[in-house]
Amino acid sequence: MDKTFSSGEVAEIVGISYWTLLRWEEEGKIKPPARDWKGERRYTEKDIEEIKKVKQVQGKQGYQITLRNLEEGRRKRLLRIKREKEADK
């Protein structure tokens, strides 16, 4: 039988919080893992690889959102400066 991992172990391996792991499952970003006889989540190595892919995508999307927010802030600052200059005239 292949080795399986608990939610806490997976979170540590992947580098995310336990709560992020559960949220991604709720949001359908990852498939629910199998459960053991006690009803606890058990992840396979294949599950972990899929979770790593989701983390990579999430990281890229987060980076893109951050860039968009920075650009939006830059645009707002430039407009404010332009309005202030026009008001001073």
PDB file of N, CA and C in Angstrom:
ATOM      1  N   MET A   1       0.847  -1.194   0.000  1.00  0.00           N
ATOM      2  CA  MET A   1       0.000   0.000   0.000  1.00  0.00           C
ATOM      3  C   MET A   1       0.885   1.248   0.000  1.00  0.00           C
ATOM      4  N   ASP A   2       0.504   2.234  -0.801  1.00  0.00           N
ATOM      5  CA  ASP A   2       1.270   3.482  -0.891  1.00  0.00           C
ATOM      6  C   ASP A   2       1.136   4.284   0.395  1.00  0.00           C
ATOM      7  N   LYS A   3       2.181   5.026   0.686  1.00  0.00           N
ATOM      8  CA  LYS A   3       2.175   5.892   1.873  1.00  0.00           C
ATOM      9  C   LYS A   3       1.179   7.029   1.650  1.00  0.00           C
ATOM     10  N   THR A   4       0.462   7.372   2.697  1.00  0.00           N
ATOM     11  CA  THR A   4      -0.446   8.518   2.641  1.00  0.00           C
ATOM     12  C   THR A   4      -0.030   9.515   3.714  1.00  0.00           C
ATOM     13  N   PHE A   5      -0.529  10.736   3.557  1.00  0.00           N
ATOM     14  CA  PHE A   5      -0.122  11.835   4.423  1.00  0.00           C
ATOM     15  C   PHE A   5      -1.359  12.528   5.005  1.00  0.00           C
ATOM     16  N   SER A   6      -1.210  13.031   6.214  1.00  0.00           N
ATOM     17  CA  SER A   6      -2.302  13.776   6.849  1.00  0.00           C
ATOM     18  C   SER A   6      -2.358  15.192   6.276  1.00  0.00           C
ATOM     19  N   SER A   7      -3.425  15.902   6.586  1.00  0.00           N
ATOM     20  CA  SER A   7      -3.567  17.292   6.129  1.00  0.00           C
ATOM     21  C   SER A   7      -2.417  18.155   6.639  1.00  0.00           C
ATOM     22  N   GLY A   8      -2.063  17.987   7.900  1.00  0.00           N
ATOM     23  CA  GLY A   8      -0.971  18.763   8.475  1.00  0.00           C
ATOM     24  C   GLY A   8       0.353  18.492   7.790  1.00  0.00           C
ATOM     25  N   GLU A   9       0.613  17.220   7.496  1.00  0.00           N
ATOM     26  CA  GLU A   9       1.850  16.864   6.800  1.00  0.00           C
ATOM     27  C   GLU A   9       1.886  17.474   5.409  1.00  0.00           C
ATOM     28  N   VAL A  10       0.758  17.405   4.707  1.00  0.00           N
ATOM     29  CA  VAL A  10       0.685  17.954   3.348  1.00  0.00           C
ATOM     30  C   VAL A  10       0.890  19.464   3.377  1.00  0.00           C
ATOM     31  N   ALA A  11       0.241  20.126   4.307  1.00  0.00           N
ATOM     32  CA  ALA A  11       0.392  21.581   4.412  1.00  0.00           C
ATOM     33  C   ALA A  11       1.864  21.947   4.607  1.00  0.00           C
ATOM     34  N   GLU A  12       2.558  21.194   5.452  1.00  0.00           N
ATOM     35  CA  GLU A  12       3.971  21.474   5.698  1.00  0.00           C
ATOM     36  C   GLU A  12       4.820  21.170   4.472  1.00  0.00           C
ATOM     37  N   ILE A  13       4.546  20.064   3.805  1.00  0.00           N
ATOM     38  CA  ILE A  13       5.306  19.680   2.606  1.00  0.00           C
ATOM     39  C   ILE A  13       5.147  20.727   1.512  1.00  0.00           C
ATOM     40  N   VAL A  14       3.919  21.175   1.293  1.00  0.00           N
ATOM     41  CA  VAL A  14       3.621  22.107   0.196  1.00  0.00           C
ATOM     42  C   VAL A  14       3.985  23.550   0.565  1.00  0.00           C
ATOM     43  N   GLY A  15       3.962  23.851   1.864  1.00  0.00           N
ATOM     44  CA  GLY A  15       4.295  25.205   2.293  1.00  0.00           C
ATOM     45  C   GLY A  15       3.086  26.130   2.339  1.00  0.00           C
ATOM     46  N   ILE A  16       1.954  25.573   2.724  1.00  0.00           N
ATOM     47  CA  ILE A  16       0.730  26.356   2.887  1.00  0.00           C
ATOM     48  C   ILE A  16       0.158  26.040   4.265  1.00  0.00           C
ATOM     49  N   SER A  17      -0.842  26.787   4.666  1.00  0.00           N
ATOM     50  CA  SER A  17      -1.461  26.493   5.959  1.00  0.00           C
ATOM     51  C   SER A  17      -2.495  25.374   5.800  1.00  0.00           C
ATOM     52  N   TYR A  18      -2.784  24.754   6.915  1.00  0.00           N
ATOM     53  CA  TYR A  18      -3.815  23.725   6.966  1.00  0.00           C
ATOM     54  C   TYR A  18      -5.138  24.305   6.473  1.00  0.00           C
ATOM     55  N   TRP A  19      -5.431  25.556   6.887  1.00  0.00           N
ATOM     56  CA  TRP A  19      -6.691  26.198   6.523  1.00  0.00           C
ATOM     57  C   TRP A  19      -6.768  26.492   5.033  1.00  0.00           C
ATOM     58  N   THR A  20      -5.643  26.828   4.420  1.00  0.00           N
ATOM     59  CA  THR A  20      -5.612  27.050   2.972  1.00  0.00           C
ATOM     60  C   THR A  20      -5.941  25.754   2.249  1.00  0.00           C
ATOM     61  N   LEU A  21      -5.370  24.673   2.734  1.00  0.00           N
ATOM     62  CA  LEU A  21      -5.633  23.361   2.144  1.00  0.00           C
ATOM     63  C   LEU A  21      -7.132  23.045   2.181  1.00  0.00           C
ATOM     64  N   LEU A  22      -7.768  23.274   3.319  1.00  0.00           N
ATOM     65  CA  LEU A  22      -9.203  23.014   3.435  1.00  0.00           C
ATOM     66  C   LEU A  22     -10.023  23.962   2.564  1.00  0.00           C
ATOM     67  N   ARG A  23      -9.596  25.229   2.501  1.00  0.00           N
ATOM     68  CA  ARG A  23     -10.322  26.211   1.679  1.00  0.00           C
ATOM     69  C   ARG A  23     -10.252  25.812   0.208  1.00  0.00           C
ATOM     70  N   TRP A  24      -9.076  25.404  -0.254  1.00  0.00           N
ATOM     71  CA  TRP A  24      -8.944  24.990  -1.652  1.00  0.00           C
ATOM     72  C   TRP A  24      -9.838  23.796  -1.949  1.00  0.00           C
ATOM     73  N   GLU A  25      -9.982  22.906  -0.992  1.00  0.00           N
ATOM     74  CA  GLU A  25     -10.878  21.763  -1.175  1.00  0.00           C
ATOM     75  C   GLU A  25     -12.325  22.251  -1.277  1.00  0.00           C
ATOM     76  N   GLU A  26     -12.726  23.163  -0.378  1.00  0.00           N
ATOM     77  CA  GLU A  26     -14.087  23.716  -0.404  1.00  0.00           C
ATOM     78  C   GLU A  26     -14.374  24.437  -1.715  1.00  0.00           C
ATOM     79  N   GLU A  27     -13.372  25.181  -2.218  1.00  0.00           N
ATOM     80  CA  GLU A  27     -13.541  25.953  -3.451  1.00  0.00           C
ATOM     81  C   GLU A  27     -13.449  25.084  -4.696  1.00  0.00           C
ATOM     82  N   GLY A  28     -13.120  23.808  -4.538  1.00  0.00           N
ATOM     83  CA  GLY A  28     -13.029  22.907  -5.683  1.00  0.00           C
ATOM     84  C   GLY A  28     -11.717  23.014  -6.436  1.00  0.00           C
ATOM     85  N   LYS A  29     -10.728  23.688  -5.859  1.00  0.00           N
ATOM     86  CA  LYS A  29      -9.424  23.820  -6.519  1.00  0.00           C
ATOM     87  C   LYS A  29      -8.633  22.522  -6.436  1.00  0.00           C
ATOM     88  N   ILE A  30      -8.891  21.754  -5.386  1.00  0.00           N
ATOM     89  CA  ILE A  30      -8.299  20.424  -5.265  1.00  0.00           C
ATOM     90  C   ILE A  30      -9.411  19.443  -4.969  1.00  0.00           C
ATOM     91  N   LYS A  31      -9.196  18.209  -5.389  1.00  0.00           N
ATOM     92  CA  LYS A  31     -10.239  17.206  -5.139  1.00  0.00           C
ATOM     93  C   LYS A  31     -10.147  16.728  -3.698  1.00  0.00           C
ATOM     94  N   PRO A  32     -11.275  16.401  -3.117  1.00  0.00           N
ATOM     95  CA  PRO A  32     -11.254  15.885  -1.748  1.00  0.00           C
ATOM     96  C   PRO A  32     -10.447  14.586  -1.713  1.00  0.00           C
ATOM     97  N   PRO A  33      -9.589  14.439  -0.729  1.00  0.00           N
ATOM     98  CA  PRO A  33      -8.783  13.215  -0.646  1.00  0.00           C
ATOM     99  C   PRO A  33      -9.602  12.060  -0.078  1.00  0.00           C
ATOM    100  N   ALA A  34      -9.017  10.882  -0.163  1.00  0.00           N
ATOM    101  CA  ALA A  34      -9.636   9.718   0.477  1.00  0.00           C
ATOM    102  C   ALA A  34      -9.590   9.923   1.986  1.00  0.00           C
ATOM    103  N   ARG A  35     -10.421   9.181   2.680  1.00  0.00           N
ATOM    104  CA  ARG A  35     -10.426   9.255   4.141  1.00  0.00           C
ATOM    105  C   ARG A  35     -10.139   7.869   4.712  1.00  0.00           C
ATOM    106  N   ASP A  36      -9.492   7.883   5.857  1.00  0.00           N
ATOM    107  CA  ASP A  36      -9.188   6.607   6.505  1.00  0.00           C
ATOM    108  C   ASP A  36     -10.386   6.128   7.320  1.00  0.00           C
ATOM    109  N   TRP A  37     -10.205   5.045   8.027  1.00  0.00           N
ATOM    110  CA  TRP A  37     -11.307   4.449   8.786  1.00  0.00           C
ATOM    111  C   TRP A  37     -11.833   5.361   9.887  1.00  0.00           C
ATOM    112  N   LYS A  38     -11.010   6.349  10.282  1.00  0.00           N
ATOM    113  CA  LYS A  38     -11.459   7.308  11.306  1.00  0.00           C
ATOM    114  C   LYS A  38     -12.110   8.538  10.678  1.00  0.00           C
ATOM    115  N   GLY A  39     -12.143   8.590   9.344  1.00  0.00           N
ATOM    116  CA  GLY A  39     -12.740   9.727   8.652  1.00  0.00           C
ATOM    117  C   GLY A  39     -11.769  10.868   8.420  1.00  0.00           C
ATOM    118  N   GLU A  40     -10.490  10.651   8.708  1.00  0.00           N
ATOM    119  CA  GLU A  40      -9.484  11.702   8.525  1.00  0.00           C
ATOM    120  C   GLU A  40      -8.973  11.705   7.084  1.00  0.00           C
ATOM    121  N   ARG A  41      -8.702  12.878   6.572  1.00  0.00           N
ATOM    122  CA  ARG A  41      -8.209  13.022   5.208  1.00  0.00           C
ATOM    123  C   ARG A  41      -6.830  12.365   5.085  1.00  0.00           C
ATOM    124  N   ARG A  42      -6.634  11.647   3.981  1.00  0.00           N
ATOM    125  CA  ARG A  42      -5.342  11.027   3.709  1.00  0.00           C
ATOM    126  C   ARG A  42      -4.975  11.318   2.258  1.00  0.00           C
ATOM    127  N   TYR A  43      -3.848  11.965   2.058  1.00  0.00           N
ATOM    128  CA  TYR A  43      -3.401  12.382   0.737  1.00  0.00           C
ATOM    129  C   TYR A  43      -2.313  11.459   0.224  1.00  0.00           C
ATOM    130  N   THR A  44      -2.338  11.191  -1.077  1.00  0.00           N
ATOM    131  CA  THR A  44      -1.299  10.395  -1.717  1.00  0.00           C
ATOM    132  C   THR A  44      -0.233  11.333  -2.276  1.00  0.00           C
ATOM    133  N   GLU A  45       0.866  10.769  -2.733  1.00  0.00           N
ATOM    134  CA  GLU A  45       1.915  11.585  -3.361  1.00  0.00           C
ATOM    135  C   GLU A  45       1.368  12.277  -4.611  1.00  0.00           C
ATOM    136  N   LYS A  46       0.492  11.595  -5.343  1.00  0.00           N
ATOM    137  CA  LYS A  46      -0.134  12.206  -6.525  1.00  0.00           C
ATOM    138  C   LYS A  46      -0.973  13.416  -6.116  1.00  0.00           C
ATOM    139  N   ASP A  47      -1.730  13.290  -5.015  1.00  0.00           N
ATOM    140  CA  ASP A  47      -2.514  14.422  -4.504  1.00  0.00           C
ATOM    141  C   ASP A  47      -1.594  15.605  -4.194  1.00  0.00           C
ATOM    142  N   ILE A  48      -0.472  15.317  -3.560  1.00  0.00           N
ATOM    143  CA  ILE A  48       0.469  16.378  -3.182  1.00  0.00           C
ATOM    144  C   ILE A  48       1.003  17.091  -4.417  1.00  0.00           C
ATOM    145  N   GLU A  49       1.310  16.350  -5.470  1.00  0.00           N
ATOM    146  CA  GLU A  49       1.801  16.973  -6.704  1.00  0.00           C
ATOM    147  C   GLU A  49       0.741  17.899  -7.300  1.00  0.00           C
ATOM    148  N   GLU A  50      -0.513  17.479  -7.263  1.00  0.00           N
ATOM    149  CA  GLU A  50      -1.602  18.324  -7.764  1.00  0.00           C
ATOM    150  C   GLU A  50      -1.745  19.584  -6.914  1.00  0.00           C
ATOM    151  N   ILE A  51      -1.614  19.459  -5.618  1.00  0.00           N
ATOM    152  CA  ILE A  51      -1.713  20.612  -4.721  1.00  0.00           C
ATOM    153  C   ILE A  51      -0.573  21.580  -4.978  1.00  0.00           C
ATOM    154  N   LYS A  52       0.614  21.055  -5.263  1.00  0.00           N
ATOM    155  CA  LYS A  52       1.761  21.919  -5.589  1.00  0.00           C
ATOM    156  C   LYS A  52       1.486  22.721  -6.859  1.00  0.00           C
ATOM    157  N   LYS A  53       0.825  22.104  -7.828  1.00  0.00           N
ATOM    158  CA  LYS A  53       0.476  22.808  -9.067  1.00  0.00           C
ATOM    159  C   LYS A  53      -0.508  23.938  -8.779  1.00  0.00           C
ATOM    160  N   VAL A  54      -1.490  23.664  -7.926  1.00  0.00           N
ATOM    161  CA  VAL A  54      -2.472  24.692  -7.556  1.00  0.00           C
ATOM    162  C   VAL A  54      -1.751  25.843  -6.852  1.00  0.00           C
ATOM    163  N   LYS A  55      -0.831  25.522  -5.968  1.00  0.00           N
ATOM    164  CA  LYS A  55      -0.084  26.566  -5.265  1.00  0.00           C
ATOM    165  C   LYS A  55       0.691  27.433  -6.252  1.00  0.00           C
ATOM    166  N   GLN A  56       1.299  26.799  -7.237  1.00  0.00           N
ATOM    167  CA  GLN A  56       2.061  27.542  -8.241  1.00  0.00           C
ATOM    168  C   GLN A  56       1.154  28.494  -9.024  1.00  0.00           C
ATOM    169  N   VAL A  57      -0.016  28.011  -9.421  1.00  0.00           N
ATOM    170  CA  VAL A  57      -0.973  28.847 -10.154  1.00  0.00           C
ATOM    171  C   VAL A  57      -1.459  29.981  -9.262  1.00  0.00           C
ATOM    172  N   GLN A  58      -1.790  29.666  -8.016  1.00  0.00           N
ATOM    173  CA  GLN A  58      -2.250  30.685  -7.077  1.00  0.00           C
ATOM    174  C   GLN A  58      -1.189  31.757  -6.895  1.00  0.00           C
ATOM    175  N   GLY A  59       0.061  31.341  -6.800  1.00  0.00           N
ATOM    176  CA  GLY A  59       1.154  32.297  -6.643  1.00  0.00           C
ATOM    177  C   GLY A  59       1.267  33.225  -7.834  1.00  0.00           C
ATOM    178  N   LYS A  60       1.147  32.679  -9.025  1.00  0.00           N
ATOM    179  CA  LYS A  60       1.220  33.501 -10.241  1.00  0.00           C
ATOM    180  C   LYS A  60       0.054  34.467 -10.311  1.00  0.00           C
ATOM    181  N   GLN A  61      -1.144  33.989  -9.969  1.00  0.00           N
ATOM    182  CA  GLN A  61      -2.316  34.863  -9.999  1.00  0.00           C
ATOM    183  C   GLN A  61      -2.188  35.958  -8.959  1.00  0.00           C
ATOM    184  N   GLY A  62      -1.693  35.601  -7.785  1.00  0.00           N
ATOM    185  CA  GLY A  62      -1.493  36.595  -6.735  1.00  0.00           C
ATOM    186  C   GLY A  62      -0.494  37.647  -7.160  1.00  0.00           C
ATOM    187  N   TYR A  63       0.560  37.235  -7.842  1.00  0.00           N
ATOM    188  CA  TYR A  63       1.579  38.153  -8.335  1.00  0.00           C
ATOM    189  C   TYR A  63       0.966  39.090  -9.372  1.00  0.00           C
ATOM    190  N   GLN A  64       0.153  38.546 -10.260  1.00  0.00           N
ATOM    191  CA  GLN A  64      -0.485  39.372 -11.288  1.00  0.00           C
ATOM    192  C   GLN A  64      -1.450  40.370 -10.671  1.00  0.00           C
ATOM    193  N   ILE A  65      -2.195  39.939  -9.663  1.00  0.00           N
ATOM    194  CA  ILE A  65      -3.117  40.853  -8.972  1.00  0.00           C
ATOM    195  C   ILE A  65      -2.335  41.965  -8.301  1.00  0.00           C
ATOM    196  N   THR A  66      -1.231  41.615  -7.662  1.00  0.00           N
ATOM    197  CA  THR A  66      -0.393  42.620  -7.011  1.00  0.00           C
ATOM    198  C   THR A  66       0.117  43.631  -8.036  1.00  0.00           C
ATOM    199  N   LEU A  67       0.577  43.161  -9.182  1.00  0.00           N
ATOM    200  CA  LEU A  67       1.056  44.072 -10.230  1.00  0.00           C
ATOM    201  C   LEU A  67      -0.061  44.988 -10.709  1.00  0.00           C
ATOM    202  N   ARG A  68      -1.264  44.441 -10.902  1.00  0.00           N
ATOM    203  CA  ARG A  68      -2.400  45.265 -11.332  1.00  0.00           C
ATOM    204  C   ARG A  68      -2.724  46.320 -10.282  1.00  0.00           C
ATOM    205  N   ASN A  69      -2.701  45.924  -9.012  1.00  0.00           N
ATOM    206  CA  ASN A  69      -2.988  46.879  -7.942  1.00  0.00           C
ATOM    207  C   ASN A  69      -1.933  47.972  -7.880  1.00  0.00           C
ATOM    208  N   LEU A  70      -0.680  47.616  -8.061  1.00  0.00           N
ATOM    209  CA  LEU A  70       0.389  48.612  -8.058  1.00  0.00           C
ATOM    210  C   LEU A  70       0.225  49.585  -9.220  1.00  0.00           C
ATOM    211  N   GLU A  71      -0.099  49.047 -10.379  1.00  0.00           N
ATOM    212  CA  GLU A  71      -0.290  49.894 -11.559  1.00  0.00           C
ATOM    213  C   GLU A  71      -1.488  50.814 -11.366  1.00  0.00           C
ATOM    214  N   GLU A  72      -2.565  50.294 -10.795  1.00  0.00           N
ATOM    215  CA  GLU A  72      -3.749  51.117 -10.532  1.00  0.00           C
ATOM    216  C   GLU A  72      -3.412  52.242  -9.556  1.00  0.00           C
ATOM    217  N   GLY A  73      -2.652  51.916  -8.509  1.00  0.00           N
ATOM    218  CA  GLY A  73      -2.231  52.932  -7.544  1.00  0.00           C
ATOM    219  C   GLY A  73      -1.358  53.989  -8.198  1.00  0.00           C
ATOM    220  N   ARG A  74      -0.479  53.571  -9.086  1.00  0.00           N
ATOM    221  CA  ARG A  74       0.394  54.506  -9.815  1.00  0.00           C
ATOM    222  C   ARG A  74      -0.438  55.451 -10.680  1.00  0.00           C
ATOM    223  N   ARG A  75      -1.430  54.893 -11.380  1.00  0.00           N
ATOM    224  CA  ARG A  75      -2.302  55.720 -12.222  1.00  0.00           C
ATOM    225  C   ARG A  75      -3.059  56.741 -11.389  1.00  0.00           C
ATOM    226  N   LYS A  76      -3.577  56.310 -10.247  1.00  0.00           N
ATOM    227  CA  LYS A  76      -4.328  57.225  -9.377  1.00  0.00           C
ATOM    228  C   LYS A  76      -3.432  58.341  -8.852  1.00  0.00           C
ATOM    229  N   ARG A  77      -2.198  58.005  -8.483  1.00  0.00           N
ATOM    230  CA  ARG A  77      -1.265  59.035  -7.997  1.00  0.00           C
ATOM    231  C   ARG A  77      -0.959  60.048  -9.092  1.00  0.00           C
ATOM    232  N   LEU A  78      -0.735  59.562 -10.320  1.00  0.00           N
ATOM    233  CA  LEU A  78      -0.433  60.467 -11.432  1.00  0.00           C
ATOM    234  C   LEU A  78      -1.618  61.382 -11.731  1.00  0.00           C
ATOM    235  N   LEU A  79      -2.839  60.832 -11.681  1.00  0.00           N
ATOM    236  CA  LEU A  79      -4.026  61.664 -11.909  1.00  0.00           C
ATOM    237  C   LEU A  79      -4.175  62.720 -10.815  1.00  0.00           C
ATOM    238  N   ARG A  80      -3.915  62.316  -9.571  1.00  0.00           N
ATOM    239  CA  ARG A  80      -4.008  63.260  -8.449  1.00  0.00           C
ATOM    240  C   ARG A  80      -2.988  64.379  -8.609  1.00  0.00           C
ATOM    241  N   ILE A  81      -1.770  64.036  -8.985  1.00  0.00           N
ATOM    242  CA  ILE A  81      -0.721  65.048  -9.195  1.00  0.00           C
ATOM    243  C   ILE A  81      -1.117  65.987 -10.324  1.00  0.00           C
ATOM    244  N   LYS A  82      -1.664  65.416 -11.402  1.00  0.00           N
ATOM    245  CA  LYS A  82      -2.084  66.235 -12.540  1.00  0.00           C
ATOM    246  C   LYS A  82      -3.192  67.201 -12.122  1.00  0.00           C
ATOM    247  N   ARG A  83      -4.180  66.706 -11.351  1.00  0.00           N
ATOM    248  CA  ARG A  83      -5.264  67.573 -10.890  1.00  0.00           C
ATOM    249  C   ARG A  83      -4.741  68.666  -9.961  1.00  0.00           C
ATOM    250  N   GLU A  84      -3.804  68.322  -9.093  1.00  0.00           N
ATOM    251  CA  GLU A  84      -3.228  69.309  -8.178  1.00  0.00           C
ATOM    252  C   GLU A  84      -2.484  70.400  -8.952  1.00  0.00           C
ATOM    253  N   LYS A  85      -1.756  70.031  -9.987  1.00  0.00           N
ATOM    254  CA  LYS A  85      -1.043  70.999 -10.813  1.00  0.00           C
ATOM    255  C   LYS A  85      -2.018  71.919 -11.533  1.00  0.00           C
ATOM    256  N   GLU A  86      -3.108  71.341 -12.041  1.00  0.00           N
ATOM    257  CA  GLU A  86      -4.110  72.142 -12.748  1.00  0.00           C
ATOM    258  C   GLU A  86      -4.822  73.083 -11.782  1.00  0.00           C
ATOM    259  N   ALA A  87      -5.050  72.640 -10.554  1.00  0.00           N
ATOM    260  CA  ALA A  87      -5.703  73.483  -9.555  1.00  0.00           C
ATOM    261  C   ALA A  87      -4.810  74.640  -9.138  1.00  0.00           C
ATOM    262  N   ASP A  88      -3.486  74.455  -9.185  1.00  0.00           N
ATOM    263  CA  ASP A  88      -2.545  75.496  -8.801  1.00  0.00           C
ATOM    264  C   ASP A  88      -2.439  76.599  -9.862  1.00  0.00           C
ATOM    265  N   LYS A  89      -2.872  76.324 -11.066  1.00  0.00           N
ATOM    266  CA  LYS A  89      -2.741  77.298 -12.162  1.00  0.00           C
ATOM    267  C   LYS A  89      -3.698  78.438 -12.001  1.00  0.00           C
TER     268      LYS A  89
END
